[in-house]
PDB file of all heavy atoms in Angstrom:
ATOM      1  N   LEU A   1      81.017  96.364 105.472  1.00  0.00           N
ATOM      2  CA  LEU A   1      79.888  95.863 106.309  1.00  0.00           C
ATOM      3  C   LEU A   1      79.375  94.561 105.707  1.00  0.00           C
ATOM      4  O   LEU A   1      79.110  93.609 106.466  1.00  0.00           O
ATOM      5  CB  LEU A   1      78.788  96.936 106.286  1.00  0.00           C
ATOM      6  CG  LEU A   1      77.385  96.484 106.857  1.00  0.00           C
ATOM      7  CD1 LEU A   1      77.587  96.344 108.406  1.00  0.00           C
ATOM      8  CD2 LEU A   1      76.345  97.526 106.512  1.00  0.00           C
ATOM      9  N   VAL A   2      79.213  94.534 104.399  1.00  0.00           N
ATOM     10  CA  VAL A   2      78.767  93.270 103.801  1.00  0.00           C
ATOM     11  C   VAL A   2      79.772  92.150 103.869  1.00  0.00           C
ATOM     12  O   VAL A   2      79.392  91.065 104.336  1.00  0.00           O
ATOM     13  CB  VAL A   2      78.394  93.554 102.286  1.00  0.00           C
ATOM     14  CG1 VAL A   2      78.087  92.277 101.578  1.00  0.00           C
ATOM     15  CG2 VAL A   2      77.243  94.488 102.203  1.00  0.00           C
ATOM     16  N   THR A   3      81.014  92.391 103.524  1.00  0.00           N
ATOM     17  CA  THR A   3      82.032  91.330 103.546  1.00  0.00           C
ATOM     18  C   THR A   3      82.417  90.834 104.892  1.00  0.00           C
ATOM     19  O   THR A   3      82.554  89.636 105.095  1.00  0.00           O
ATOM     20  CB  THR A   3      83.311  91.871 102.793  1.00  0.00           C
ATOM     21  OG1 THR A   3      82.953  92.333 101.521  1.00  0.00           O
ATOM     22  CG2 THR A   3      84.331  90.783 102.717  1.00  0.00           C
ATOM     23  N   ASN A   4      82.546  91.753 105.868  1.00  0.00           N
ATOM     24  CA  ASN A   4      83.053  91.401 107.204  1.00  0.00           C
ATOM     25  C   ASN A   4      81.987  91.127 108.241  1.00  0.00           C
ATOM     26  O   ASN A   4      82.351  90.611 109.257  1.00  0.00           O
ATOM     27  CB  ASN A   4      84.047  92.452 107.702  1.00  0.00           C
ATOM     28  CG  ASN A   4      85.207  92.628 106.653  1.00  0.00           C
ATOM     29  OD1 ASN A   4      85.746  91.676 106.183  1.00  0.00           O
ATOM     30  ND2 ASN A   4      85.547  93.859 106.394  1.00  0.00           N
ATOM     31  N   VAL A   5      80.773  91.623 107.970  1.00  0.00           N
ATOM     32  CA  VAL A   5      79.775  91.459 109.019  1.00  0.00           C
ATOM     33  C   VAL A   5      78.560  90.597 108.498  1.00  0.00           C
ATOM     34  O   VAL A   5      78.254  89.540 109.042  1.00  0.00           O
ATOM     35  CB  VAL A   5      79.206  92.888 109.500  1.00  0.00           C
ATOM     36  CG1 VAL A   5      78.127  92.685 110.525  1.00  0.00           C
ATOM     37  CG2 VAL A   5      80.409  93.612 110.092  1.00  0.00           C
ATOM     38  N   LEU A   6      77.929  91.068 107.400  1.00  0.00           N
ATOM     39  CA  LEU A   6      76.713  90.404 106.962  1.00  0.00           C
ATOM     40  C   LEU A   6      76.961  89.035 106.349  1.00  0.00           C
ATOM     41  O   LEU A   6      76.222  88.105 106.619  1.00  0.00           O
ATOM     42  CB  LEU A   6      75.932  91.305 106.068  1.00  0.00           C
ATOM     43  CG  LEU A   6      75.487  92.658 106.609  1.00  0.00           C
ATOM     44  CD1 LEU A   6      74.799  93.505 105.522  1.00  0.00           C
ATOM     45  CD2 LEU A   6      74.519  92.401 107.756  1.00  0.00           C
ATOM     46  N   MET A   7      77.959  88.979 105.453  1.00  0.00           N
ATOM     47  CA  MET A   7      78.172  87.630 104.818  1.00  0.00           C
ATOM     48  C   MET A   7      78.628  86.549 105.799  1.00  0.00           C
ATOM     49  O   MET A   7      78.127  85.384 105.677  1.00  0.00           O
ATOM     50  CB  MET A   7      79.169  87.812 103.674  1.00  0.00           C
ATOM     51  CG  MET A   7      78.633  88.607 102.485  1.00  0.00           C
ATOM     52  SD  MET A   7      77.061  87.920 101.810  1.00  0.00           S
ATOM     53  CE  MET A   7      77.668  86.552 100.876  1.00  0.00           C
ATOM     54  N   PRO A   8      79.513  86.830 106.751  1.00  0.00           N
ATOM     55  CA  PRO A   8      79.801  85.778 107.769  1.00  0.00           C
ATOM     56  C   PRO A   8      78.568  85.359 108.532  1.00  0.00           C
ATOM     57  O   PRO A   8      78.353  84.181 108.890  1.00  0.00           O
ATOM     58  CB  PRO A   8      80.875  86.407 108.663  1.00  0.00           C
ATOM     59  CG  PRO A   8      81.530  87.382 107.792  1.00  0.00           C
ATOM     60  CD  PRO A   8      80.430  87.971 106.927  1.00  0.00           C
ATOM     61  N   LEU A   9      77.711  86.318 108.885  1.00  0.00           N
ATOM     62  CA  LEU A   9      76.468  85.973 109.572  1.00  0.00           C
ATOM     63  C   LEU A   9      75.537  85.099 108.736  1.00  0.00           C
ATOM     64  O   LEU A   9      75.007  84.129 109.222  1.00  0.00           O
ATOM     65  CB  LEU A   9      75.717  87.253 110.009  1.00  0.00           C
ATOM     66  CG  LEU A   9      76.291  88.134 111.118  1.00  0.00           C
ATOM     67  CD1 LEU A   9      75.546  89.359 111.304  1.00  0.00           C
ATOM     68  CD2 LEU A   9      76.290  87.296 112.429  1.00  0.00           C
ATOM     69  N   LEU A  10      75.411  85.487 107.434  1.00  0.00           N
ATOM     70  CA  LEU A  10      74.645  84.670 106.513  1.00  0.00           C
ATOM     71  C   LEU A  10      75.221  83.226 106.350  1.00  0.00           C
ATOM     72  O   LEU A  10      74.505  82.311 106.379  1.00  0.00           O
ATOM     73  CB  LEU A  10      74.555  85.359 105.187  1.00  0.00           C
ATOM     74  CG  LEU A  10      73.710  84.674 104.100  1.00  0.00           C
ATOM     75  CD1 LEU A  10      72.281  84.594 104.524  1.00  0.00           C
ATOM     76  CD2 LEU A  10      73.841  85.390 102.777  1.00  0.00           C
ATOM     77  N   GLY A  11      76.518  83.204 106.258  1.00  0.00           N
ATOM     78  CA  GLY A  11      77.185  81.917 106.188  1.00  0.00           C
ATOM     79  C   GLY A  11      76.934  81.071 107.386  1.00  0.00           C
ATOM     80  O   GLY A  11      76.710  79.822 107.235  1.00  0.00           O
ATOM     81  N   THR A  12      76.986  81.633 108.536  1.00  0.00           N
ATOM     82  CA  THR A  12      76.728  80.908 109.774  1.00  0.00           C
ATOM     83  C   THR A  12      75.262  80.466 109.860  1.00  0.00           C
ATOM     84  O   THR A  12      74.973  79.290 110.229  1.00  0.00           O
ATOM     85  CB  THR A  12      76.999  81.820 111.008  1.00  0.00           C
ATOM     86  OG1 THR A  12      78.339  82.219 110.896  1.00  0.00           O
ATOM     87  CG2 THR A  12      76.756  81.090 112.306  1.00  0.00           C
ATOM     88  N   LEU A  13      74.323  81.301 109.403  1.00  0.00           N
ATOM     89  CA  LEU A  13      72.934  80.985 109.420  1.00  0.00           C
ATOM     90  C   LEU A  13      72.574  79.825 108.474  1.00  0.00           C
ATOM     91  O   LEU A  13      71.696  78.991 108.822  1.00  0.00           O
ATOM     92  CB  LEU A  13      72.051  82.205 109.065  1.00  0.00           C
ATOM     93  CG  LEU A  13      72.034  83.280 110.114  1.00  0.00           C
ATOM     94  CD1 LEU A  13      71.225  84.494 109.600  1.00  0.00           C
ATOM     95  CD2 LEU A  13      71.337  82.834 111.401  1.00  0.00           C
ATOM     96  N   ILE A  14      73.283  79.690 107.332  1.00  0.00           N
ATOM     97  CA  ILE A  14      72.939  78.649 106.398  1.00  0.00           C
ATOM     98  C   ILE A  14      73.962  77.513 106.614  1.00  0.00           C
ATOM     99  O   ILE A  14      74.074  76.622 105.661  1.00  0.00           O
ATOM    100  CB  ILE A  14      72.967  79.150 104.901  1.00  0.00           C
ATOM    101  CG1 ILE A  14      74.313  79.758 104.524  1.00  0.00           C
ATOM    102  CG2 ILE A  14      71.844  80.198 104.746  1.00  0.00           C
ATOM    103  CD1 ILE A  14      74.350  80.126 103.083  1.00  0.00           C
ATOM    104  N   GLY A  15      74.620  77.424 107.699  1.00  0.00           N
ATOM    105  CA  GLY A  15      75.390  76.284 108.023  1.00  0.00           C
ATOM    106  C   GLY A  15      76.788  76.290 107.368  1.00  0.00           C
ATOM    107  O   GLY A  15      77.311  75.205 107.047  1.00  0.00           O
ATOM    108  N   GLY A  16      77.369  77.410 107.227  1.00  0.00           N
ATOM    109  CA  GLY A  16      78.746  77.463 106.650  1.00  0.00           C
ATOM    110  C   GLY A  16      78.814  77.221 105.171  1.00  0.00           C
ATOM    111  O   GLY A  16      79.890  76.910 104.642  1.00  0.00           O
ATOM    112  N   PHE A  17      77.742  77.278 104.472  1.00  0.00           N
ATOM    113  CA  PHE A  17      77.692  77.017 103.002  1.00  0.00           C
ATOM    114  C   PHE A  17      78.324  78.207 102.324  1.00  0.00           C
ATOM    115  O   PHE A  17      77.867  79.345 102.388  1.00  0.00           O
ATOM    116  CB  PHE A  17      76.229  76.851 102.624  1.00  0.00           C
ATOM    117  CG  PHE A  17      76.071  76.415 101.138  1.00  0.00           C
ATOM    118  CD1 PHE A  17      76.315  75.059 100.831  1.00  0.00           C
ATOM    119  CD2 PHE A  17      75.724  77.283 100.220  1.00  0.00           C
ATOM    120  CE1 PHE A  17      76.092  74.728  99.498  1.00  0.00           C
ATOM    121  CE2 PHE A  17      75.576  76.909  98.870  1.00  0.00           C
ATOM    122  CZ  PHE A  17      75.815  75.559  98.555  1.00  0.00           C
ATOM    123  N   ASP A  18      79.391  77.933 101.586  1.00  0.00           N
ATOM    124  CA  ASP A  18      80.131  78.974 100.811  1.00  0.00           C
ATOM    125  C   ASP A  18      79.779  78.830  99.337  1.00  0.00           C
ATOM    126  O   ASP A  18      80.156  77.810  98.745  1.00  0.00           O
ATOM    127  CB  ASP A  18      81.591  78.869 101.085  1.00  0.00           C
ATOM    128  CG  ASP A  18      82.388  79.993 100.420  1.00  0.00           C
ATOM    129  OD1 ASP A  18      81.753  80.902  99.865  1.00  0.00           O
ATOM    130  OD2 ASP A  18      83.645  79.970 100.494  1.00  0.00           O
ATOM    131  N   LEU A  19      79.060  79.847  98.819  1.00  0.00           N
ATOM    132  CA  LEU A  19      78.682  79.768  97.440  1.00  0.00           C
ATOM    133  C   LEU A  19      79.839  79.610  96.465  1.00  0.00           C
ATOM    134  O   LEU A  19      79.788  78.934  95.513  1.00  0.00           O
ATOM    135  CB  LEU A  19      77.832  80.992  97.047  1.00  0.00           C
ATOM    136  CG  LEU A  19      76.472  81.153  97.801  1.00  0.00           C
ATOM    137  CD1 LEU A  19      75.905  82.512  97.404  1.00  0.00           C
ATOM    138  CD2 LEU A  19      75.593  80.016  97.381  1.00  0.00           C
ATOM    139  N   THR A  20      80.954  80.352  96.792  1.00  0.00           N
ATOM    140  CA  THR A  20      82.083  80.385  95.874  1.00  0.00           C
ATOM    141  C   THR A  20      82.802  79.017  95.816  1.00  0.00           C
ATOM    142  O   THR A  20      83.411  78.666  94.845  1.00  0.00           O
ATOM    143  CB  THR A  20      83.131  81.448  96.304  1.00  0.00           C
ATOM    144  OG1 THR A  20      83.551  81.222  97.582  1.00  0.00           O
ATOM    145  CG2 THR A  20      82.476  82.857  96.151  1.00  0.00           C
ATOM    146  N   GLU A  21      82.657  78.214  96.905  1.00  0.00           N
ATOM    147  CA  GLU A  21      83.316  76.938  96.903  1.00  0.00           C
ATOM    148  C   GLU A  21      82.357  75.882  96.308  1.00  0.00           C
ATOM    149  O   GLU A  21      82.799  74.957  95.586  1.00  0.00           O
ATOM    150  CB  GLU A  21      83.662  76.473  98.301  1.00  0.00           C
ATOM    151  CG  GLU A  21      84.832  77.222  98.869  1.00  0.00           C
ATOM    152  CD  GLU A  21      85.178  76.841 100.244  1.00  0.00           C
ATOM    153  OE1 GLU A  21      84.698  75.727 100.711  1.00  0.00           O
ATOM    154  OE2 GLU A  21      85.948  77.567 100.934  1.00  0.00           O
ATOM    155  N   LYS A  22      81.059  75.933  96.658  1.00  0.00           N
ATOM    156  CA  LYS A  22      80.080  74.895  96.213  1.00  0.00           C
ATOM    157  C   LYS A  22      79.553  75.029  94.815  1.00  0.00           C
ATOM    158  O   LYS A  22      79.244  74.067  94.229  1.00  0.00           O
ATOM    159  CB  LYS A  22      78.900  74.886  97.229  1.00  0.00           C
ATOM    160  CG  LYS A  22      79.279  74.733  98.651  1.00  0.00           C
ATOM    161  CD  LYS A  22      79.873  73.334  98.905  1.00  0.00           C
ATOM    162  CE  LYS A  22      80.146  73.182 100.371  1.00  0.00           C
ATOM    163  NZ  LYS A  22      80.730  71.935 100.752  1.00  0.00           N
ATOM    164  N   LEU A  23      79.432  76.271  94.337  1.00  0.00           N
ATOM    165  CA  LEU A  23      78.822  76.433  93.034  1.00  0.00           C
ATOM    166  C   LEU A  23      79.765  76.951  91.925  1.00  0.00           C
ATOM    167  O   LEU A  23      79.293  77.321  90.854  1.00  0.00           O
ATOM    168  CB  LEU A  23      77.688  77.472  93.213  1.00  0.00           C
ATOM    169  CG  LEU A  23      76.468  76.985  94.039  1.00  0.00           C
ATOM    170  CD1 LEU A  23      75.417  78.102  94.187  1.00  0.00           C
ATOM    171  CD2 LEU A  23      75.871  75.734  93.503  1.00  0.00           C
ATOM    172  N   ASN A  24      81.011  76.970  92.187  1.00  0.00           N
ATOM    173  CA  ASN A  24      81.957  77.264  91.139  1.00  0.00           C
ATOM    174  C   ASN A  24      82.381  75.898  90.507  1.00  0.00           C
ATOM    175  O   ASN A  24      82.766  75.012  91.233  1.00  0.00           O
ATOM    176  CB  ASN A  24      83.192  77.999  91.656  1.00  0.00           C
ATOM    177  CG  ASN A  24      82.889  79.499  91.832  1.00  0.00           C
ATOM    178  OD1 ASN A  24      81.873  79.986  91.499  1.00  0.00           O
ATOM    179  ND2 ASN A  24      83.868  80.191  92.432  1.00  0.00           N
ATOM    180  N   PHE A  25      82.372  75.817  89.201  1.00  0.00           N
ATOM    181  CA  PHE A  25      82.724  74.550  88.516  1.00  0.00           C
ATOM    182  C   PHE A  25      84.011  74.703  87.757  1.00  0.00           C
ATOM    183  O   PHE A  25      84.151  75.626  86.993  1.00  0.00           O
ATOM    184  CB  PHE A  25      81.552  74.178  87.557  1.00  0.00           C
ATOM    185  CG  PHE A  25      80.252  73.995  88.283  1.00  0.00           C
ATOM    186  CD1 PHE A  25      79.222  74.923  88.170  1.00  0.00           C
ATOM    187  CD2 PHE A  25      79.987  72.884  89.078  1.00  0.00           C
ATOM    188  CE1 PHE A  25      78.037  74.852  88.820  1.00  0.00           C
ATOM    189  CE2 PHE A  25      78.809  72.751  89.778  1.00  0.00           C
ATOM    190  CZ  PHE A  25      77.804  73.737  89.625  1.00  0.00           C
ATOM    191  N   VAL A  26      84.908  73.748  87.973  1.00  0.00           N
ATOM    192  CA  VAL A  26      86.199  73.780  87.258  1.00  0.00           C
ATOM    193  C   VAL A  26      85.931  73.123  85.906  1.00  0.00           C
ATOM    194  O   VAL A  26      85.677  71.929  85.829  1.00  0.00           O
ATOM    195  CB  VAL A  26      87.289  73.019  88.035  1.00  0.00           C
ATOM    196  CG1 VAL A  26      88.568  73.012  87.266  1.00  0.00           C
ATOM    197  CG2 VAL A  26      87.472  73.711  89.422  1.00  0.00           C
ATOM    198  N   LEU A  27      86.120  73.877  84.825  1.00  0.00           N
ATOM    199  CA  LEU A  27      85.981  73.357  83.475  1.00  0.00           C
ATOM    200  C   LEU A  27      87.250  72.682  83.062  1.00  0.00           C
ATOM    201  O   LEU A  27      87.177  71.663  82.344  1.00  0.00           O
ATOM    202  CB  LEU A  27      85.560  74.402  82.495  1.00  0.00           C
ATOM    203  CG  LEU A  27      84.147  75.087  82.790  1.00  0.00           C
ATOM    204  CD1 LEU A  27      83.964  76.283  81.758  1.00  0.00           C
ATOM    205  CD2 LEU A  27      83.058  74.082  82.735  1.00  0.00           C
ATOM    206  N   LYS A  28      88.386  73.247  83.487  1.00  0.00           N
ATOM    207  CA  LYS A  28      89.700  72.755  83.074  1.00  0.00           C
ATOM    208  C   LYS A  28      90.642  72.982  84.145  1.00  0.00           C
ATOM    209  O   LYS A  28      90.857  74.156  84.580  1.00  0.00           O
ATOM    210  CB  LYS A  28      90.140  73.407  81.741  1.00  0.00           C
ATOM    211  CG  LYS A  28      91.448  73.008  81.214  1.00  0.00           C
ATOM    212  CD  LYS A  28      91.839  73.759  79.958  1.00  0.00           C
ATOM    213  CE  LYS A  28      93.191  73.387  79.483  1.00  0.00           C
ATOM    214  NZ  LYS A  28      93.643  74.209  78.447  1.00  0.00           N
ATOM    215  N   PRO A  29      91.155  71.937  84.725  1.00  0.00           N
ATOM    216  CA  PRO A  29      92.075  72.152  85.898  1.00  0.00           C
ATOM    217  C   PRO A  29      93.372  72.786  85.430  1.00  0.00           C
ATOM    218  O   PRO A  29      93.735  72.701  84.263  1.00  0.00           O
ATOM    219  CB  PRO A  29      92.293  70.736  86.425  1.00  0.00           C
ATOM    220  CG  PRO A  29      91.923  69.819  85.348  1.00  0.00           C
ATOM    221  CD  PRO A  29      90.964  70.525  84.470  1.00  0.00           C
ATOM    222  N   GLU A  30      94.068  73.415  86.360  1.00  0.00           N
ATOM    223  CA  GLU A  30      95.378  73.989  86.033  1.00  0.00           C
ATOM    224  C   GLU A  30      96.369  72.919  85.738  1.00  0.00           C
ATOM    225  O   GLU A  30      96.351  71.792  86.321  1.00  0.00           O
ATOM    226  CB  GLU A  30      95.846  74.947  87.097  1.00  0.00           C
ATOM    227  CG  GLU A  30      96.422  74.318  88.335  1.00  0.00           C
ATOM    228  CD  GLU A  30      96.918  75.338  89.325  1.00  0.00           C
ATOM    229  OE1 GLU A  30      96.790  76.528  89.146  1.00  0.00           O
ATOM    230  OE2 GLU A  30      97.488  74.878  90.323  1.00  0.00           O
ATOM    231  N   VAL A  31      97.298  73.161  84.825  1.00  0.00           N
ATOM    232  CA  VAL A  31      98.343  72.269  84.456  1.00  0.00           C
ATOM    233  C   VAL A  31      99.676  72.826  84.986  1.00  0.00           C
ATOM    234  O   VAL A  31     100.018  73.975  84.697  1.00  0.00           O
ATOM    235  CB  VAL A  31      98.405  72.098  82.956  1.00  0.00           C
ATOM    236  CG1 VAL A  31      99.524  71.125  82.558  1.00  0.00           C
ATOM    237  CG2 VAL A  31      97.062  71.551  82.412  1.00  0.00           C
ATOM    238  N   THR A  32     100.382  71.948  85.736  1.00  0.00           N
ATOM    239  CA  THR A  32     101.673  72.410  86.254  1.00  0.00           C
ATOM    240  C   THR A  32     102.782  71.456  85.769  1.00  0.00           C
ATOM    241  O   THR A  32     102.493  70.288  85.445  1.00  0.00           O
ATOM    242  CB  THR A  32     101.674  72.389  87.800  1.00  0.00           C
ATOM    243  OG1 THR A  32     101.320  71.072  88.249  1.00  0.00           O
ATOM    244  CG2 THR A  32     100.679  73.388  88.369  1.00  0.00           C
ATOM    245  N   ASP A  33     104.018  71.993  85.769  1.00  0.00           N
ATOM    246  CA  ASP A  33     105.104  71.074  85.388  1.00  0.00           C
ATOM    247  C   ASP A  33     105.633  70.420  86.578  1.00  0.00           C
ATOM    248  O   ASP A  33     105.172  70.578  87.738  1.00  0.00           O
ATOM    249  CB  ASP A  33     106.179  71.903  84.620  1.00  0.00           C
ATOM    250  CG  ASP A  33     106.799  72.988  85.473  1.00  0.00           C
ATOM    251  OD1 ASP A  33     106.518  73.082  86.674  1.00  0.00           O
ATOM    252  OD2 ASP A  33     107.464  73.909  84.858  1.00  0.00           O
ATOM    253  N   LYS A  34     106.714  69.625  86.478  1.00  0.00           N
ATOM    254  CA  LYS A  34     107.318  68.901  87.615  1.00  0.00           C
ATOM    255  C   LYS A  34     107.820  69.812  88.708  1.00  0.00           C
ATOM    256  O   LYS A  34     107.789  69.407  89.865  1.00  0.00           O
ATOM    257  CB  LYS A  34     108.388  67.956  87.115  1.00  0.00           C
ATOM    258  CG  LYS A  34     107.844  66.818  86.304  1.00  0.00           C
ATOM    259  CD  LYS A  34     108.977  65.907  85.806  1.00  0.00           C
ATOM    260  CE  LYS A  34     108.347  64.818  84.922  1.00  0.00           C
ATOM    261  NZ  LYS A  34     109.345  63.871  84.533  1.00  0.00           N
ATOM    262  N   ALA A  35     108.212  71.022  88.339  1.00  0.00           N
ATOM    263  CA  ALA A  35     108.726  71.955  89.316  1.00  0.00           C
ATOM    264  C   ALA A  35     107.565  72.713  90.084  1.00  0.00           C
ATOM    265  O   ALA A  35     107.837  73.412  91.006  1.00  0.00           O
ATOM    266  CB  ALA A  35     109.655  72.981  88.630  1.00  0.00           C
ATOM    267  N   GLY A  36     106.344  72.476  89.702  1.00  0.00           N
ATOM    268  CA  GLY A  36     105.172  73.098  90.331  1.00  0.00           C
ATOM    269  C   GLY A  36     104.827  74.476  89.683  1.00  0.00           C
ATOM    270  O   GLY A  36     103.902  75.155  90.177  1.00  0.00           O
ATOM    271  N   GLU A  37     105.534  74.822  88.610  1.00  0.00           N
ATOM    272  CA  GLU A  37     105.161  76.012  87.869  1.00  0.00           C
ATOM    273  C   GLU A  37     103.890  75.815  87.080  1.00  0.00           C
ATOM    274  O   GLU A  37     103.696  74.847  86.441  1.00  0.00           O
ATOM    275  CB  GLU A  37     106.301  76.386  86.902  1.00  0.00           C
ATOM    276  CG  GLU A  37     107.611  76.723  87.637  1.00  0.00           C
ATOM    277  CD  GLU A  37     107.596  78.028  88.374  1.00  0.00           C
ATOM    278  OE1 GLU A  37     106.949  78.976  87.843  1.00  0.00           O
ATOM    279  OE2 GLU A  37     108.200  78.158  89.437  1.00  0.00           O
ATOM    280  N   VAL A  38     103.010  76.806  87.122  1.00  0.00           N
ATOM    281  CA  VAL A  38     101.720  76.741  86.392  1.00  0.00           C
ATOM    282  C   VAL A  38     102.014  76.930  84.894  1.00  0.00           C
ATOM    283  O   VAL A  38     102.482  77.940  84.498  1.00  0.00           O
ATOM    284  CB  VAL A  38     100.734  77.786  86.889  1.00  0.00           C
ATOM    285  CG1 VAL A  38      99.410  77.710  86.100  1.00  0.00           C
ATOM    286  CG2 VAL A  38     100.418  77.563  88.383  1.00  0.00           C
ATOM    287  N   ILE A  39     101.577  75.956  84.122  1.00  0.00           N
ATOM    288  CA  ILE A  39     101.694  76.038  82.652  1.00  0.00           C
ATOM    289  C   ILE A  39     100.473  76.684  82.120  1.00  0.00           C
ATOM    290  O   ILE A  39     100.502  77.644  81.285  1.00  0.00           O
ATOM    291  CB  ILE A  39     101.950  74.682  81.981  1.00  0.00           C
ATOM    292  CG1 ILE A  39     103.266  74.111  82.491  1.00  0.00           C
ATOM    293  CG2 ILE A  39     101.984  74.780  80.488  1.00  0.00           C
ATOM    294  CD1 ILE A  39     103.533  72.656  82.132  1.00  0.00           C
ATOM    295  N   THR A  40      99.298  76.179  82.379  1.00  0.00           N
ATOM    296  CA  THR A  40      98.051  76.763  81.993  1.00  0.00           C
ATOM    297  C   THR A  40      97.158  76.932  83.268  1.00  0.00           C
ATOM    298  O   THR A  40      97.002  75.941  84.043  1.00  0.00           O
ATOM    299  CB  THR A  40      97.308  75.938  80.977  1.00  0.00           C
ATOM    300  OG1 THR A  40      97.075  74.623  81.441  1.00  0.00           O
ATOM    301  CG2 THR A  40      98.039  75.922  79.652  1.00  0.00           C
TER     302      THR A  40
END
């Protein structure tokens, strides 16, 4: 109910603002090698 009904409604009401995208801060980006494999 919360994930599939209430949160999308809340997101629509506040203009599509996604807390997980806007307020998560990357302290250290992932490191990949030339082949695209994640090193860290």
